Protein backbone atom coordinates (compact mmCIF):
# COMPACT_ATOMS: atom_id res chain seq x y z
CA MET A 1 0.00 0.00 0.00
CA VAL A 2 2.83 2.40 0.87
CA LYS A 3 4.59 1.78 -2.43
CA LYS A 4 1.45 2.52 -4.43
CA ASP A 5 0.84 5.73 -2.46
CA SER A 6 4.39 6.94 -2.94
CA LEU A 7 4.20 6.31 -6.69
CA THR A 8 0.94 8.23 -6.93
CA GLU A 9 2.36 11.06 -4.84
CA SER A 10 5.50 11.13 -6.97
CA LYS A 11 3.43 11.44 -10.15
CA LEU A 12 1.32 14.23 -8.61
CA LYS A 13 4.44 16.19 -7.68
CA GLY A 14 5.80 15.85 -11.21
CA GLY A 15 8.55 13.44 -10.23
CA SER A 16 9.50 10.52 -12.39
CA ALA A 17 8.37 7.15 -11.11
CA PRO A 18 10.05 3.87 -12.03
CA GLU A 19 8.62 2.03 -14.99
CA PRO A 20 5.80 -0.37 -14.02
CA ASN A 21 7.68 -3.42 -15.26
CA GLY A 22 10.59 -2.64 -12.91
CA ARG A 23 13.14 -2.00 -15.66
CA PHE A 24 15.81 0.65 -15.31
CA SER A 25 15.62 3.56 -17.74
CA VAL A 26 18.83 5.53 -18.28
CA GLY A 27 16.91 8.46 -19.73
CA GLU A 28 14.63 8.77 -16.70
CA PHE A 29 17.61 8.40 -14.38
CA LEU A 30 19.53 11.21 -16.09
CA GLN A 31 16.43 13.43 -16.15
CA GLY A 32 15.83 12.83 -12.44
CA THR A 33 19.49 13.50 -11.68
CA LYS A 34 19.36 16.80 -13.57
CA GLU A 35 16.19 17.82 -11.70
CA GLU A 36 17.80 17.09 -8.34
CA LEU A 37 21.03 18.92 -9.20
CA ASN A 38 18.98 21.99 -10.13
CA LYS A 39 17.63 22.00 -6.53
CA VAL A 40 21.12 22.11 -4.99
CA VAL A 41 22.24 25.41 -3.48
CA TRP A 42 25.87 25.64 -4.56
CA PRO A 43 28.33 27.60 -2.37
CA SER A 44 29.89 30.81 -3.57
CA ARG A 45 33.57 30.85 -4.53
CA GLN A 46 34.49 32.76 -1.35
CA GLN A 47 32.54 30.34 0.85
CA LEU A 48 34.17 27.36 -0.88
CA ILE A 49 37.67 28.77 -0.34
CA SER A 50 37.10 29.68 3.31
CA GLU A 51 35.53 26.34 4.22
CA SER A 52 38.26 24.44 2.37
CA ALA A 53 40.90 26.40 4.29
CA ALA A 54 39.13 25.59 7.56
CA VAL A 55 39.10 21.87 6.73
CA ILE A 56 42.79 21.89 5.75
CA LEU A 57 43.67 23.74 8.97
CA MET A 58 41.72 21.32 11.18
CA VAL A 59 43.22 18.26 9.47
CA SER A 60 46.71 19.71 9.88
CA LEU A 61 46.12 20.45 13.56
CA SER A 62 44.69 16.98 14.17
CA ALA A 63 47.62 15.31 12.39
CA THR A 64 50.10 17.39 14.40
CA LEU A 65 48.38 16.48 17.67
CA ILE A 66 48.40 12.78 16.79
CA TYR A 67 52.10 13.00 15.83
CA LEU A 68 52.99 14.69 19.13
CA VAL A 69 51.06 12.17 21.20
CA ASP A 70 52.74 9.34 19.26
CA GLN A 71 56.17 10.86 19.93
CA LEU A 72 55.31 11.21 23.63
CA PHE A 73 54.25 7.57 23.93
CA GLY A 74 57.36 6.49 22.01
CA TRP A 75 59.59 8.47 24.37
CA VAL A 76 57.79 7.05 27.44
CA SER A 77 58.11 3.48 26.17
CA ARG A 78 61.85 3.96 25.48
CA GLN A 79 62.30 5.22 29.03
CA VAL A 80 60.42 2.25 30.51
CA PHE A 81 62.08 -0.44 28.40
């Protein structure tokens, strides 16, 4: 019952429903993909650059912290053994 309702709702909203025989249609897939990509809100160039810089900074800080903790544990283990 749910599947039938969702197909009907999809047709009412203008969405593409799968073919009734269950076969995959490349054309419908590409059309649906294009429709969904048109709904995406893409970031501005400035936003993309600033967020990329933030990610690179956080990854670098995390890697540095892990390296320092590794060096500390290595030093402690050399002192013990």
